[in-house]
Amino acid sequence: MSFSDKVLVCDQVDAVLIDILKKNGLAVTYEPQITPEDLAKKIGDFEIIVVRSRTTITKDLVEKATKCKIMARVGVGLDNIDTKTAKEKNIRVINAVEGAMNAVAELVIGLMLSMARDIPRADRELRNNNWIKKELMGTELAGKYLGIVGLGNIGKRLARLARALNMNIIGYDVVPIDTEFAKEVGLMKADLDTLLQSADYVSLHVPLLDSTKNLINAQRMSTMKKTARIINTSRGGTVDENALYEALKSGNLGGAALDVFEKEPAIGNKLISLPNFIATPHIGAQTKEAQSLAAHVIGEKIIQILRGVI
């Protein structure tokens, strides 16, 4: 079965997506640097719109997409697509939650190890010709309690990796946690407050909603262990950055690592000045494997939708 729909790809994506679409007869226009102004002029000519992270599909753009059937994000979240307006226009909105699952989970492990062994400081000091071996007394992840907030695909993958490192897993989610999975990793289910009070490391894997805005706030941070560390690779805004700054600066928290920020790019963010803070520039899904998988998943989903399979 071949299709005649026109596809506009607005951001840089792995070539596998373009190949899948073209092999199924779709006419693909690839403009990875398209400006919002040009997109507004052209969007009405296409049945399928594909974005990654650079392009934001606003309400105005959705309303201009008069022929559109599908809007797809080659990534996990849908923050950059006005899904409400799309739904009103009967436009199917899809993403690739499967694509980043392993990449993000591995980044969390990397950030935990970096904090536990103070790897960024060790590297920085040695580059400055300082041999600070005696100052770098680290800790091990084995035996520590990892609190995972949100047990979706990424949270589950993280739990499995952390369990392989002999960490103890505490889990919280607003939806019921799968019993078989909990048994597999020895997960202890808890409410959010109990998790925060008990964990040595807390990793967030939640979307940014009204209910999750500043989910980890000053009051909740005050209940955590002073040695506890927070990792956020989910969405900026789920951790109160001002409260986090104060907790880290005062020594009421052991450390934190953020891959996502309230405002991005996070150039000049005051958290970056703190010695017990690690920052990465939203690279959770930034691996060759994750980008290839996400592109493949989106390509297959588009074809299956057009065939009426899903």
C-alpha atoms as a PDB file:
ATOM      1  CA  MET A   1       0.000   0.000   0.000  1.00  0.00           C
ATOM      2  CA  SER A   2       1.355   3.404  -1.025  1.00  0.00           C
ATOM      3  CA  PHE A   3       0.220   6.853   0.153  1.00  0.00           C
ATOM      4  CA  SER A   4       0.181  10.258  -1.513  1.00  0.00           C
ATOM      5  CA  ASP A   5       0.176  12.442   1.601  1.00  0.00           C
ATOM      6  CA  LYS A   6       2.684  15.272   1.906  1.00  0.00           C
ATOM      7  CA  VAL A   7       5.008  15.393   4.900  1.00  0.00           C
ATOM      8  CA  LEU A   8       6.884  18.408   6.262  1.00  0.00           C
ATOM      9  CA  VAL A   9       9.829  17.539   8.524  1.00  0.00           C
ATOM     10  CA  CYS A  10      10.727  20.700  10.431  1.00  0.00           C
ATOM     11  CA  ASP A  11      13.755  19.602  12.462  1.00  0.00           C
ATOM     12  CA  GLN A  12      16.875  17.514  11.978  1.00  0.00           C
ATOM     13  CA  VAL A  13      16.004  13.823  12.300  1.00  0.00           C
ATOM     14  CA  ASP A  14      17.708  10.513  11.625  1.00  0.00           C
ATOM     15  CA  ALA A  15      17.607   9.520   7.954  1.00  0.00           C
ATOM     16  CA  VAL A  16      15.737   6.300   8.761  1.00  0.00           C
ATOM     17  CA  LEU A  17      12.524   8.310   9.211  1.00  0.00           C
ATOM     18  CA  ILE A  18      12.793   9.895   5.767  1.00  0.00           C
ATOM     19  CA  ASP A  19      13.549   6.489   4.231  1.00  0.00           C
ATOM     20  CA  ILE A  20      10.477   4.842   5.794  1.00  0.00           C
ATOM     21  CA  LEU A  21       8.173   7.623   4.649  1.00  0.00           C
ATOM     22  CA  LYS A  22       9.519   7.745   1.099  1.00  0.00           C
ATOM     23  CA  LYS A  23       9.436   3.961   0.700  1.00  0.00           C
ATOM     24  CA  ASN A  24       5.719   4.122   1.420  1.00  0.00           C
ATOM     25  CA  GLY A  25       5.105   6.720  -1.262  1.00  0.00           C
ATOM     26  CA  LEU A  26       4.883   9.814   0.930  1.00  0.00           C
ATOM     27  CA  ALA A  27       6.170  13.094  -0.496  1.00  0.00           C
ATOM     28  CA  VAL A  28       8.669  14.382   2.070  1.00  0.00           C
ATOM     29  CA  THR A  29       9.823  17.975   2.342  1.00  0.00           C
ATOM     30  CA  TYR A  30      12.822  18.163   4.678  1.00  0.00           C
ATOM     31  CA  GLU A  31      13.453  21.649   6.093  1.00  0.00           C
ATOM     32  CA  PRO A  32      15.341  21.174   9.368  1.00  0.00           C
ATOM     33  CA  GLN A  33      16.027  24.911   9.717  1.00  0.00           C
ATOM     34  CA  ILE A  34      12.609  26.234   8.759  1.00  0.00           C
ATOM     35  CA  THR A  35      11.698  29.494  10.499  1.00  0.00           C
ATOM     36  CA  PRO A  36       8.377  30.042  12.317  1.00  0.00           C
ATOM     37  CA  GLU A  37       7.456  32.596   9.642  1.00  0.00           C
ATOM     38  CA  ASP A  38       8.054  30.188   6.764  1.00  0.00           C
ATOM     39  CA  LEU A  39       6.327  27.381   8.632  1.00  0.00           C
ATOM     40  CA  ALA A  40       3.240  29.547   9.077  1.00  0.00           C
ATOM     41  CA  LYS A  41       3.161  30.124   5.300  1.00  0.00           C
ATOM     42  CA  LYS A  42       3.677  26.465   4.333  1.00  0.00           C
ATOM     43  CA  ILE A  43       1.981  24.386   7.033  1.00  0.00           C
ATOM     44  CA  GLY A  44      -1.413  24.482   5.337  1.00  0.00           C
ATOM     45  CA  ASP A  45      -0.091  22.448   2.381  1.00  0.00           C
ATOM     46  CA  PHE A  46       0.809  19.312   4.367  1.00  0.00           C
ATOM     47  CA  GLU A  47      -1.096  16.355   5.776  1.00  0.00           C
ATOM     48  CA  ILE A  48       1.684  15.342   8.177  1.00  0.00           C
ATOM     49  CA  ILE A  49       3.971  17.577  10.261  1.00  0.00           C
ATOM     50  CA  VAL A  50       7.055  16.172  12.004  1.00  0.00           C
ATOM     51  CA  VAL A  51       9.088  18.034  14.620  1.00  0.00           C
ATOM     52  CA  ARG A  52      11.752  17.208  17.152  1.00  0.00           C
ATOM     53  CA  SER A  53      12.696  19.825  19.795  1.00  0.00           C
ATOM     54  CA  ARG A  54      13.614  22.976  17.893  1.00  0.00           C
ATOM     55  CA  THR A  55      10.202  23.714  16.378  1.00  0.00           C
ATOM     56  CA  THR A  56       7.150  24.679  18.417  1.00  0.00           C
ATOM     57  CA  ILE A  57       3.715  24.066  16.937  1.00  0.00           C
ATOM     58  CA  THR A  58       1.608  26.825  18.477  1.00  0.00           C
ATOM     59  CA  LYS A  59      -2.164  27.192  18.477  1.00  0.00           C
ATOM     60  CA  ASP A  60      -1.888  29.595  15.545  1.00  0.00           C
ATOM     61  CA  LEU A  61       0.136  27.076  13.535  1.00  0.00           C
ATOM     62  CA  VAL A  62      -2.299  24.252  14.307  1.00  0.00           C
ATOM     63  CA  GLU A  63      -5.161  26.405  13.072  1.00  0.00           C
ATOM     64  CA  LYS A  64      -3.246  27.138   9.867  1.00  0.00           C
ATOM     65  CA  ALA A  65      -2.645  23.387   9.313  1.00  0.00           C
ATOM     66  CA  THR A  66      -5.975  22.939   7.530  1.00  0.00           C
ATOM     67  CA  LYS A  67      -5.022  19.693   5.730  1.00  0.00           C
ATOM     68  CA  CYS A  68      -3.141  18.106   8.609  1.00  0.00           C
ATOM     69  CA  LYS A  69      -3.987  14.564   9.792  1.00  0.00           C
ATOM     70  CA  ILE A  70      -0.950  13.794  11.939  1.00  0.00           C
ATOM     71  CA  MET A  71       1.509  15.813  14.003  1.00  0.00           C
ATOM     72  CA  ALA A  72       4.496  13.812  15.215  1.00  0.00           C
ATOM     73  CA  ARG A  73       7.327  14.536  17.615  1.00  0.00           C
ATOM     74  CA  VAL A  74      10.515  12.508  17.262  1.00  0.00           C
ATOM     75  CA  GLY A  75      10.977  12.464  21.029  1.00  0.00           C
ATOM     76  CA  VAL A  76       9.300  11.764  24.343  1.00  0.00           C
ATOM     77  CA  GLY A  77       7.324  14.810  25.455  1.00  0.00           C
ATOM     78  CA  LEU A  78       4.747  16.857  23.595  1.00  0.00           C
ATOM     79  CA  ASP A  79       5.458  20.210  25.253  1.00  0.00           C
ATOM     80  CA  ASN A  80       6.185  21.876  21.916  1.00  0.00           C
ATOM     81  CA  ILE A  81       2.886  20.927  20.260  1.00  0.00           C
ATOM     82  CA  ASP A  82      -0.454  22.506  21.180  1.00  0.00           C
ATOM     83  CA  THR A  83      -2.154  19.149  21.673  1.00  0.00           C
ATOM     84  CA  LYS A  84      -5.418  20.705  22.888  1.00  0.00           C
ATOM     85  CA  THR A  85      -5.986  22.639  19.670  1.00  0.00           C
ATOM     86  CA  ALA A  86      -4.805  19.677  17.592  1.00  0.00           C
ATOM     87  CA  LYS A  87      -7.384  17.450  19.267  1.00  0.00           C
ATOM     88  CA  GLU A  88     -10.102  20.014  18.566  1.00  0.00           C
ATOM     89  CA  LYS A  89      -9.076  19.902  14.904  1.00  0.00           C
ATOM     90  CA  ASN A  90      -9.117  16.062  14.904  1.00  0.00           C
ATOM     91  CA  ILE A  91      -5.376  15.934  14.277  1.00  0.00           C
ATOM     92  CA  ARG A  92      -3.659  12.827  15.613  1.00  0.00           C
ATOM     93  CA  VAL A  93      -0.639  13.721  17.760  1.00  0.00           C
ATOM     94  CA  ILE A  94       2.027  11.068  18.329  1.00  0.00           C
ATOM     95  CA  ASN A  95       5.476  10.805  19.914  1.00  0.00           C
ATOM     96  CA  ALA A  96       8.187   8.201  20.416  1.00  0.00           C
ATOM     97  CA  VAL A  97       8.287   7.403  24.103  1.00  0.00           C
ATOM     98  CA  GLU A  98      10.142   4.181  23.321  1.00  0.00           C
ATOM     99  CA  GLY A  99      13.062   5.941  21.664  1.00  0.00           C
ATOM    100  CA  ALA A 100      14.720   7.635  24.627  1.00  0.00           C
ATOM    101  CA  MET A 101      13.998   5.008  27.271  1.00  0.00           C
ATOM    102  CA  ASN A 102      17.491   3.551  27.582  1.00  0.00           C
ATOM    103  CA  ALA A 103      19.415   6.725  26.777  1.00  0.00           C
ATOM    104  CA  VAL A 104      17.762   8.743  29.546  1.00  0.00           C
ATOM    105  CA  ALA A 105      18.067   5.920  32.076  1.00  0.00           C
ATOM    106  CA  GLU A 106      21.777   5.562  31.316  1.00  0.00           C
ATOM    107  CA  LEU A 107      22.267   9.318  31.719  1.00  0.00           C
ATOM    108  CA  VAL A 108      20.709   9.132  35.188  1.00  0.00           C
ATOM    109  CA  ILE A 109      23.153   6.376  36.135  1.00  0.00           C
ATOM    110  CA  GLY A 110      25.999   8.505  34.797  1.00  0.00           C
ATOM    111  CA  LEU A 111      24.888  11.531  36.789  1.00  0.00           C
ATOM    112  CA  MET A 112      24.545   9.494  39.975  1.00  0.00           C
ATOM    113  CA  LEU A 113      28.043   8.077  39.532  1.00  0.00           C
ATOM    114  CA  SER A 114      29.381  11.557  38.783  1.00  0.00           C
ATOM    115  CA  MET A 115      27.947  12.866  42.048  1.00  0.00           C
ATOM    116  CA  ALA A 116      28.927   9.811  44.096  1.00  0.00           C
ATOM    117  CA  ARG A 117      32.583  10.015  42.993  1.00  0.00           C
ATOM    118  CA  ASP A 118      32.771  13.783  42.305  1.00  0.00           C
ATOM    119  CA  ILE A 119      34.000  13.036  38.789  1.00  0.00           C
ATOM    120  CA  PRO A 120      33.509  16.554  37.344  1.00  0.00           C
ATOM    121  CA  ARG A 121      35.604  18.106  40.130  1.00  0.00           C
ATOM    122  CA  ALA A 122      38.296  15.432  39.836  1.00  0.00           C
ATOM    123  CA  ASP A 123      38.623  16.097  36.111  1.00  0.00           C
ATOM    124  CA  ARG A 124      38.536  19.876  36.512  1.00  0.00           C
ATOM    125  CA  GLU A 125      41.190  19.981  39.237  1.00  0.00           C
ATOM    126  CA  LEU A 126      43.571  17.653  37.426  1.00  0.00           C
ATOM    127  CA  ARG A 127      43.314  19.831  34.306  1.00  0.00           C
ATOM    128  CA  ASN A 128      44.363  22.708  36.584  1.00  0.00           C
ATOM    129  CA  ASN A 129      47.403  20.667  37.726  1.00  0.00           C
ATOM    130  CA  ASN A 130      45.931  19.903  41.158  1.00  0.00           C
ATOM    131  CA  TRP A 131      46.264  16.337  42.525  1.00  0.00           C
ATOM    132  CA  ILE A 132      43.431  16.256  45.096  1.00  0.00           C
ATOM    133  CA  LYS A 133      43.207  12.511  45.653  1.00  0.00           C
ATOM    134  CA  LYS A 134      42.843  12.818  49.444  1.00  0.00           C
ATOM    135  CA  GLU A 135      39.901  15.218  49.090  1.00  0.00           C
ATOM    136  CA  LEU A 136      37.971  12.903  46.794  1.00  0.00           C
ATOM    137  CA  MET A 137      36.487  10.423  49.241  1.00  0.00           C
ATOM    138  CA  GLY A 138      33.419   9.202  47.390  1.00  0.00           C
ATOM    139  CA  THR A 139      30.542   6.862  48.094  1.00  0.00           C
ATOM    140  CA  GLU A 140      29.192   3.807  46.279  1.00  0.00           C
ATOM    141  CA  LEU A 141      25.787   3.388  44.699  1.00  0.00           C
ATOM    142  CA  ALA A 142      25.479  -0.205  45.904  1.00  0.00           C
ATOM    143  CA  GLY A 143      23.194  -0.391  48.897  1.00  0.00           C
ATOM    144  CA  LYS A 144      21.842   3.140  48.485  1.00  0.00           C
ATOM    145  CA  TYR A 145      18.125   3.885  48.149  1.00  0.00           C
ATOM    146  CA  LEU A 146      17.017   5.264  44.791  1.00  0.00           C
ATOM    147  CA  GLY A 147      13.608   6.917  44.748  1.00  0.00           C
ATOM    148  CA  ILE A 148      12.055   6.947  41.282  1.00  0.00           C
ATOM    149  CA  VAL A 149       9.191   9.405  40.823  1.00  0.00           C
ATOM    150  CA  GLY A 150       7.248   8.182  37.800  1.00  0.00           C
ATOM    151  CA  LEU A 151       7.428   4.548  36.698  1.00  0.00           C
ATOM    152  CA  GLY A 152       6.775   4.830  32.981  1.00  0.00           C
ATOM    153  CA  ASN A 153       9.084   3.348  30.356  1.00  0.00           C
ATOM    154  CA  ILE A 154      12.099   5.394  31.445  1.00  0.00           C
ATOM    155  CA  GLY A 155      11.488   4.962  35.163  1.00  0.00           C
ATOM    156  CA  LYS A 156      11.225   1.207  34.738  1.00  0.00           C
ATOM    157  CA  ARG A 157      14.388   1.024  32.663  1.00  0.00           C
ATOM    158  CA  LEU A 158      16.231   3.044  35.292  1.00  0.00           C
ATOM    159  CA  ALA A 159      15.000   0.721  38.029  1.00  0.00           C
ATOM    160  CA  ARG A 160      16.366  -2.304  36.183  1.00  0.00           C
ATOM    161  CA  LEU A 161      19.764  -0.668  35.630  1.00  0.00           C
ATOM    162  CA  ALA A 162      19.971   0.531  39.233  1.00  0.00           C
ATOM    163  CA  ARG A 163      19.001  -2.882  40.536  1.00  0.00           C
ATOM    164  CA  ALA A 164      21.912  -4.359  38.576  1.00  0.00           C
ATOM    165  CA  LEU A 165      24.119  -1.995  40.594  1.00  0.00           C
ATOM    166  CA  ASN A 166      22.604  -3.418  43.797  1.00  0.00           C
ATOM    167  CA  MET A 167      20.681  -0.283  44.642  1.00  0.00           C
ATOM    168  CA  ASN A 168      17.428  -0.470  46.600  1.00  0.00           C
ATOM    169  CA  ILE A 169      14.469   0.886  44.630  1.00  0.00           C
ATOM    170  CA  ILE A 170      11.593   2.961  46.020  1.00  0.00           C
ATOM    171  CA  GLY A 171       8.856   3.881  43.560  1.00  0.00           C
ATOM    172  CA  TYR A 172       6.023   6.398  43.402  1.00  0.00           C
ATOM    173  CA  ASP A 173       3.519   7.054  40.641  1.00  0.00           C
ATOM    174  CA  VAL A 174       0.045   8.544  40.368  1.00  0.00           C
ATOM    175  CA  VAL A 175      -1.050   5.406  38.512  1.00  0.00           C
ATOM    176  CA  PRO A 176      -0.807   1.873  39.915  1.00  0.00           C
ATOM    177  CA  ILE A 177       2.670   0.361  39.630  1.00  0.00           C
ATOM    178  CA  ASP A 178       2.768  -3.020  37.892  1.00  0.00           C
ATOM    179  CA  THR A 179       3.029  -5.738  40.530  1.00  0.00           C
ATOM    180  CA  GLU A 180       5.136  -8.111  38.440  1.00  0.00           C
ATOM    181  CA  PHE A 181       7.615  -5.351  37.644  1.00  0.00           C
ATOM    182  CA  ALA A 182       7.803  -4.393  41.318  1.00  0.00           C
ATOM    183  CA  LYS A 183       8.658  -8.001  42.189  1.00  0.00           C
ATOM    184  CA  GLU A 184      11.272  -8.182  39.425  1.00  0.00           C
ATOM    185  CA  VAL A 185      13.327  -5.256  40.756  1.00  0.00           C
ATOM    186  CA  GLY A 186      12.378  -5.572  44.416  1.00  0.00           C
ATOM    187  CA  LEU A 187      10.646  -2.210  44.273  1.00  0.00           C
ATOM    188  CA  MET A 188       9.171  -0.786  47.458  1.00  0.00           C
ATOM    189  CA  LYS A 189       6.036   1.253  46.703  1.00  0.00           C
ATOM    190  CA  ALA A 190       5.620   4.459  48.691  1.00  0.00           C
ATOM    191  CA  ASP A 191       3.812   7.780  48.681  1.00  0.00           C
ATOM    192  CA  LEU A 192       5.851  10.754  47.464  1.00  0.00           C
ATOM    193  CA  ASP A 193       6.623  12.167  50.907  1.00  0.00           C
ATOM    194  CA  THR A 194       7.833   8.810  52.244  1.00  0.00           C
ATOM    195  CA  LEU A 195       9.991   8.310  49.144  1.00  0.00           C
ATOM    196  CA  LEU A 196      11.624  11.718  49.558  1.00  0.00           C
ATOM    197  CA  GLN A 197      12.310  11.167  53.246  1.00  0.00           C
ATOM    198  CA  SER A 198      13.865   7.743  52.630  1.00  0.00           C
ATOM    199  CA  ALA A 199      15.900   8.029  49.421  1.00  0.00           C
ATOM    200  CA  ASP A 200      19.598   8.743  48.988  1.00  0.00           C
ATOM    201  CA  TYR A 201      18.970   9.618  45.347  1.00  0.00           C
ATOM    202  CA  VAL A 202      15.704  10.882  43.833  1.00  0.00           C
ATOM    203  CA  SER A 203      15.182  10.740  40.064  1.00  0.00           C
ATOM    204  CA  LEU A 204      12.201  12.440  38.404  1.00  0.00           C
ATOM    205  CA  HIS A 205      10.411  10.971  35.390  1.00  0.00           C
ATOM    206  CA  VAL A 206       7.185  12.953  35.105  1.00  0.00           C
ATOM    207  CA  PRO A 207       5.632  15.289  32.522  1.00  0.00           C
ATOM    208  CA  LEU A 208       5.259  19.003  33.239  1.00  0.00           C
ATOM    209  CA  LEU A 209       1.627  19.526  34.218  1.00  0.00           C
ATOM    210  CA  ASP A 210      -0.153  21.871  36.608  1.00  0.00           C
ATOM    211  CA  SER A 211       0.014  19.045  39.157  1.00  0.00           C
ATOM    212  CA  THR A 212       3.783  18.533  38.707  1.00  0.00           C
ATOM    213  CA  LYS A 213       4.895  22.166  38.514  1.00  0.00           C
ATOM    214  CA  ASN A 214       7.462  22.596  41.321  1.00  0.00           C
ATOM    215  CA  LEU A 215       6.602  19.098  42.494  1.00  0.00           C
ATOM    216  CA  ILE A 216       9.889  19.070  44.386  1.00  0.00           C
ATOM    217  CA  ASN A 217       9.604  22.344  46.293  1.00  0.00           C
ATOM    218  CA  ALA A 218      11.239  23.909  49.343  1.00  0.00           C
ATOM    219  CA  GLN A 219       8.937  22.163  51.803  1.00  0.00           C
ATOM    220  CA  ARG A 220       9.569  18.737  50.305  1.00  0.00           C
ATOM    221  CA  MET A 221      13.307  19.321  50.039  1.00  0.00           C
ATOM    222  CA  SER A 222      13.359  20.170  53.749  1.00  0.00           C
ATOM    223  CA  THR A 223      12.178  16.636  54.563  1.00  0.00           C
ATOM    224  CA  MET A 224      14.957  14.927  52.599  1.00  0.00           C
ATOM    225  CA  LYS A 225      18.238  13.632  53.995  1.00  0.00           C
ATOM    226  CA  LYS A 226      20.966  16.276  54.037  1.00  0.00           C
ATOM    227  CA  THR A 227      23.110  13.863  52.039  1.00  0.00           C
ATOM    228  CA  ALA A 228      20.360  13.194  49.456  1.00  0.00           C
ATOM    229  CA  ARG A 229      20.798  14.040  45.798  1.00  0.00           C
ATOM    230  CA  ILE A 230      18.195  14.997  43.196  1.00  0.00           C
ATOM    231  CA  ILE A 231      18.385  14.130  39.498  1.00  0.00           C
ATOM    232  CA  ASN A 232      15.970  15.603  36.968  1.00  0.00           C
ATOM    233  CA  THR A 233      16.046  14.411  33.356  1.00  0.00           C
ATOM    234  CA  SER A 234      12.300  14.746  32.789  1.00  0.00           C
ATOM    235  CA  ARG A 235      11.038  18.318  32.394  1.00  0.00           C
ATOM    236  CA  GLY A 236      12.244  21.680  33.613  1.00  0.00           C
ATOM    237  CA  GLY A 237       9.878  23.225  36.130  1.00  0.00           C
ATOM    238  CA  THR A 238       9.154  20.025  38.025  1.00  0.00           C
ATOM    239  CA  VAL A 239      11.896  21.019  40.489  1.00  0.00           C
ATOM    240  CA  ASP A 240      11.733  24.472  42.088  1.00  0.00           C
ATOM    241  CA  GLU A 241      15.133  25.807  41.000  1.00  0.00           C
ATOM    242  CA  ASN A 242      15.219  28.683  43.493  1.00  0.00           C
ATOM    243  CA  ALA A 243      14.468  26.309  46.369  1.00  0.00           C
ATOM    244  CA  LEU A 244      17.044  23.863  45.044  1.00  0.00           C
ATOM    245  CA  TYR A 245      19.684  26.590  44.914  1.00  0.00           C
ATOM    246  CA  GLU A 246      19.043  27.541  48.540  1.00  0.00           C
ATOM    247  CA  ALA A 247      19.046  23.903  49.718  1.00  0.00           C
ATOM    248  CA  LEU A 248      22.339  23.142  47.958  1.00  0.00           C
ATOM    249  CA  LYS A 249      24.000  26.380  49.016  1.00  0.00           C
ATOM    250  CA  SER A 250      23.033  25.904  52.683  1.00  0.00           C
ATOM    251  CA  GLY A 251      24.101  22.254  52.734  1.00  0.00           C
ATOM    252  CA  ASN A 252      20.588  20.988  53.378  1.00  0.00           C
ATOM    253  CA  LEU A 253      20.943  18.770  50.298  1.00  0.00           C
ATOM    254  CA  GLY A 254      23.996  16.792  49.271  1.00  0.00           C
ATOM    255  CA  GLY A 255      23.825  17.512  45.578  1.00  0.00           C
ATOM    256  CA  ALA A 256      21.764  17.716  42.419  1.00  0.00           C
ATOM    257  CA  ALA A 257      22.110  17.091  38.698  1.00  0.00           C
ATOM    258  CA  LEU A 258      19.745  18.633  36.160  1.00  0.00           C
ATOM    259  CA  ASP A 259      19.544  17.901  32.462  1.00  0.00           C
ATOM    260  CA  VAL A 260      16.416  20.069  32.089  1.00  0.00           C
ATOM    261  CA  PHE A 261      15.680  23.603  33.241  1.00  0.00           C
ATOM    262  CA  GLU A 262      12.774  26.017  33.588  1.00  0.00           C
ATOM    263  CA  LYS A 263      14.350  28.227  30.937  1.00  0.00           C
ATOM    264  CA  GLU A 264      16.523  26.759  28.198  1.00  0.00           C
ATOM    265  CA  PRO A 265      19.226  27.338  27.129  1.00  0.00           C
ATOM    266  CA  ALA A 266      20.138  27.609  30.826  1.00  0.00           C
ATOM    267  CA  ILE A 267      23.090  29.922  30.223  1.00  0.00           C
ATOM    268  CA  GLY A 268      23.804  31.943  33.362  1.00  0.00           C
ATOM    269  CA  ASN A 269      21.598  29.826  35.608  1.00  0.00           C
ATOM    270  CA  LYS A 270      22.769  30.479  39.185  1.00  0.00           C
ATOM    271  CA  LEU A 271      22.729  26.770  40.034  1.00  0.00           C
ATOM    272  CA  ILE A 272      25.741  26.241  37.795  1.00  0.00           C
ATOM    273  CA  SER A 273      27.893  28.297  40.178  1.00  0.00           C
ATOM    274  CA  LEU A 274      27.467  25.731  42.971  1.00  0.00           C
ATOM    275  CA  PRO A 275      30.170  23.074  43.548  1.00  0.00           C
ATOM    276  CA  ASN A 276      27.610  20.388  44.487  1.00  0.00           C
ATOM    277  CA  PHE A 277      25.621  20.786  41.275  1.00  0.00           C
ATOM    278  CA  ILE A 278      26.046  19.115  37.875  1.00  0.00           C
ATOM    279  CA  ALA A 279      24.434  20.474  34.710  1.00  0.00           C
ATOM    280  CA  THR A 280      23.973  18.929  31.280  1.00  0.00           C
ATOM    281  CA  PRO A 281      22.263  20.712  28.346  1.00  0.00           C
ATOM    282  CA  HIS A 282      19.111  18.583  27.860  1.00  0.00           C
ATOM    283  CA  ILE A 283      20.998  15.602  26.413  1.00  0.00           C
ATOM    284  CA  GLY A 284      18.851  12.802  27.840  1.00  0.00           C
ATOM    285  CA  ALA A 285      17.872  11.473  24.426  1.00  0.00           C
ATOM    286  CA  GLN A 286      20.987  12.730  22.667  1.00  0.00           C
ATOM    287  CA  THR A 287      22.500   9.433  21.580  1.00  0.00           C
ATOM    288  CA  LYS A 288      22.835   8.017  18.091  1.00  0.00           C
ATOM    289  CA  GLU A 289      20.894   4.940  19.131  1.00  0.00           C
ATOM    290  CA  ALA A 290      18.027   6.881  20.724  1.00  0.00           C
ATOM    291  CA  GLN A 291      17.633   9.245  17.788  1.00  0.00           C
ATOM    292  CA  SER A 292      17.660   6.391  15.305  1.00  0.00           C
ATOM    293  CA  LEU A 293      15.128   4.401  17.317  1.00  0.00           C
ATOM    294  CA  ALA A 294      12.833   7.409  17.823  1.00  0.00           C
ATOM    295  CA  ALA A 295      12.916   8.178  14.094  1.00  0.00           C
ATOM    296  CA  HIS A 296      12.150   4.555  13.252  1.00  0.00           C
ATOM    297  CA  VAL A 297       9.277   4.436  15.751  1.00  0.00           C
ATOM    298  CA  ILE A 298       7.706   7.637  14.387  1.00  0.00           C
ATOM    299  CA  GLY A 299       8.047   6.469  10.793  1.00  0.00           C
ATOM    300  CA  GLU A 300       6.336   3.152  11.553  1.00  0.00           C
ATOM    301  CA  LYS A 301       3.586   4.828  13.600  1.00  0.00           C
ATOM    302  CA  ILE A 302       2.780   7.249  10.778  1.00  0.00           C
ATOM    303  CA  ILE A 303       2.463   4.396   8.280  1.00  0.00           C
ATOM    304  CA  GLN A 304       0.349   2.323  10.684  1.00  0.00           C
ATOM    305  CA  ILE A 305      -2.000   5.250  11.273  1.00  0.00           C
ATOM    306  CA  LEU A 306      -2.416   5.809   7.545  1.00  0.00           C
ATOM    307  CA  ARG A 307      -3.161   2.105   7.132  1.00  0.00           C
ATOM    308  CA  GLY A 308      -5.730   2.271   9.905  1.00  0.00           C
ATOM    309  CA  VAL A 309      -3.829  -0.214  12.077  1.00  0.00           C
ATOM    310  CA  ILE A 310      -3.503   2.093  15.102  1.00  0.00           C
END
